[in-house]
């Protein structure tokens, strides 16, 4: 599962792999509050754009 983050124009900035045991929506909310460029996000089974490893 992946969290994909988008800017205000709807362009994909990056995707993050959701690790086992982590709630995807919680991770997405955390990323969105920490990064000013992230306007919205989605959760999916496949990544879009560059995949970031944490």
N, C-alpha and C. Protein backbone atom coordinates (compact mmCIF):
# COMPACT_ATOMS: atom_id res chain seq x y z
N UNK A 1 0.84 -1.16 0.00
CA UNK A 1 0.00 0.00 0.00
C UNK A 1 0.90 1.24 0.00
N UNK A 2 0.42 2.30 -0.65
CA UNK A 2 1.19 3.52 -0.80
C UNK A 2 0.34 4.75 -0.49
N UNK A 3 0.99 5.77 0.06
CA UNK A 3 0.39 7.09 0.21
C UNK A 3 1.04 7.96 -0.85
N UNK A 4 0.25 8.55 -1.72
CA UNK A 4 0.76 9.42 -2.77
C UNK A 4 0.37 10.86 -2.45
N UNK A 5 1.35 11.75 -2.50
CA UNK A 5 1.14 13.15 -2.13
C UNK A 5 1.17 14.04 -3.38
N UNK A 6 0.27 15.02 -3.41
CA UNK A 6 0.10 15.91 -4.56
C UNK A 6 0.23 17.37 -4.14
N UNK A 7 0.62 18.20 -5.08
CA UNK A 7 0.66 19.65 -4.81
C UNK A 7 -0.69 20.27 -5.13
N UNK A 8 -0.78 21.59 -5.02
CA UNK A 8 -2.03 22.30 -5.25
C UNK A 8 -2.54 22.24 -6.68
N UNK A 9 -1.67 21.86 -7.63
CA UNK A 9 -2.07 21.74 -9.03
C UNK A 9 -2.46 20.31 -9.39
N UNK A 10 -2.37 19.40 -8.42
CA UNK A 10 -2.71 18.00 -8.67
C UNK A 10 -1.57 17.18 -9.22
N UNK A 11 -0.36 17.74 -9.20
CA UNK A 11 0.80 17.00 -9.68
C UNK A 11 1.36 16.13 -8.56
N UNK A 12 1.70 14.90 -8.91
CA UNK A 12 2.26 13.98 -7.93
C UNK A 12 3.65 14.45 -7.51
N UNK A 13 3.85 14.59 -6.21
CA UNK A 13 5.16 14.95 -5.67
C UNK A 13 5.99 13.70 -5.37
N UNK A 14 5.38 12.73 -4.68
CA UNK A 14 6.07 11.49 -4.32
C UNK A 14 5.07 10.51 -3.73
N UNK A 15 5.50 9.26 -3.62
CA UNK A 15 4.72 8.22 -2.95
C UNK A 15 5.56 7.63 -1.83
N UNK A 16 4.90 7.21 -0.78
CA UNK A 16 5.58 6.61 0.37
C UNK A 16 4.98 5.23 0.60
N UNK A 17 5.85 4.24 0.79
CA UNK A 17 5.40 2.89 1.10
C UNK A 17 4.88 2.85 2.53
N UNK A 18 3.71 2.28 2.73
CA UNK A 18 3.14 2.15 4.07
C UNK A 18 3.62 0.82 4.64
N UNK A 19 4.32 0.89 5.76
CA UNK A 19 4.84 -0.31 6.40
C UNK A 19 3.74 -1.09 7.11
N UNK A 20 4.00 -2.36 7.31
CA UNK A 20 3.08 -3.24 8.03
C UNK A 20 2.80 -2.67 9.41
N UNK A 21 1.53 -2.60 9.79
CA UNK A 21 1.14 -2.13 11.11
C UNK A 21 0.92 -0.62 11.21
N UNK A 22 1.17 0.11 10.12
CA UNK A 22 0.98 1.56 10.12
C UNK A 22 -0.33 1.88 9.42
N UNK A 23 -1.13 2.74 10.02
CA UNK A 23 -2.40 3.14 9.41
C UNK A 23 -2.11 4.17 8.32
N UNK A 24 -2.51 3.89 7.10
CA UNK A 24 -2.20 4.73 5.94
C UNK A 24 -2.74 6.15 6.09
N UNK A 25 -3.94 6.30 6.55
CA UNK A 25 -4.54 7.65 6.70
C UNK A 25 -3.79 8.47 7.74
N UNK A 26 -3.35 7.83 8.80
CA UNK A 26 -2.59 8.52 9.84
C UNK A 26 -1.24 9.00 9.29
N UNK A 27 -0.57 8.13 8.52
CA UNK A 27 0.70 8.50 7.90
C UNK A 27 0.50 9.65 6.93
N UNK A 28 -0.53 9.59 6.11
CA UNK A 28 -0.81 10.65 5.14
C UNK A 28 -1.08 11.98 5.83
N UNK A 29 -1.84 11.97 6.89
CA UNK A 29 -2.11 13.18 7.64
C UNK A 29 -0.85 13.77 8.24
N UNK A 30 0.01 12.90 8.75
CA UNK A 30 1.28 13.35 9.32
C UNK A 30 2.15 14.02 8.26
N UNK A 31 2.25 13.41 7.10
CA UNK A 31 3.06 13.97 6.00
C UNK A 31 2.48 15.32 5.57
N UNK A 32 1.17 15.40 5.41
CA UNK A 32 0.53 16.62 4.93
C UNK A 32 0.72 17.79 5.90
N UNK A 33 0.74 17.51 7.20
CA UNK A 33 0.92 18.60 8.17
C UNK A 33 2.37 19.03 8.28
N UNK A 34 3.31 18.18 7.90
CA UNK A 34 4.74 18.49 8.03
C UNK A 34 5.34 19.12 6.77
N UNK A 35 4.69 18.95 5.62
CA UNK A 35 5.25 19.42 4.35
C UNK A 35 4.29 20.40 3.69
N UNK A 36 4.72 21.64 3.58
CA UNK A 36 3.88 22.72 3.06
C UNK A 36 3.46 22.52 1.60
N UNK A 37 4.25 21.81 0.82
CA UNK A 37 3.93 21.63 -0.60
C UNK A 37 2.81 20.61 -0.83
N UNK A 38 2.56 19.75 0.16
CA UNK A 38 1.53 18.71 0.01
C UNK A 38 0.16 19.33 0.25
N UNK A 39 -0.65 19.36 -0.81
CA UNK A 39 -2.00 19.92 -0.73
C UNK A 39 -3.04 18.84 -0.44
N UNK A 40 -2.87 17.67 -1.06
CA UNK A 40 -3.77 16.56 -0.80
C UNK A 40 -3.04 15.25 -1.07
N UNK A 41 -3.66 14.14 -0.71
CA UNK A 41 -3.02 12.83 -0.81
C UNK A 41 -4.05 11.77 -1.13
N UNK A 42 -3.56 10.59 -1.51
CA UNK A 42 -4.44 9.44 -1.74
C UNK A 42 -3.73 8.18 -1.27
N UNK A 43 -4.51 7.15 -0.98
CA UNK A 43 -3.98 5.85 -0.58
C UNK A 43 -4.36 4.86 -1.67
N UNK A 44 -3.37 4.09 -2.15
CA UNK A 44 -3.64 3.12 -3.22
C UNK A 44 -2.71 1.92 -3.08
N UNK A 45 -2.98 0.91 -3.91
CA UNK A 45 -2.17 -0.30 -3.90
C UNK A 45 -0.93 -0.20 -4.77
N UNK A 46 -0.86 0.83 -5.62
CA UNK A 46 0.32 1.00 -6.48
C UNK A 46 0.80 2.45 -6.41
N UNK A 47 2.12 2.65 -6.50
CA UNK A 47 2.66 4.01 -6.38
C UNK A 47 2.47 4.82 -7.66
N UNK A 48 2.54 6.11 -7.49
CA UNK A 48 2.50 7.04 -8.62
C UNK A 48 3.68 7.99 -8.42
N UNK A 49 4.52 8.13 -9.40
CA UNK A 49 5.68 9.01 -9.25
C UNK A 49 6.80 8.32 -8.49
N UNK A 50 7.73 9.12 -7.97
CA UNK A 50 8.89 8.60 -7.25
C UNK A 50 8.47 8.04 -5.91
N UNK A 51 9.03 6.88 -5.56
CA UNK A 51 8.74 6.25 -4.27
C UNK A 51 9.85 6.64 -3.30
N UNK A 52 9.46 7.22 -2.17
CA UNK A 52 10.39 7.66 -1.14
C UNK A 52 10.48 6.60 -0.08
N UNK A 53 11.69 6.26 0.33
CA UNK A 53 11.88 5.29 1.41
C UNK A 53 12.20 6.02 2.68
N UNK A 54 11.55 5.64 3.75
CA UNK A 54 11.78 6.28 5.05
C UNK A 54 12.48 5.34 6.00
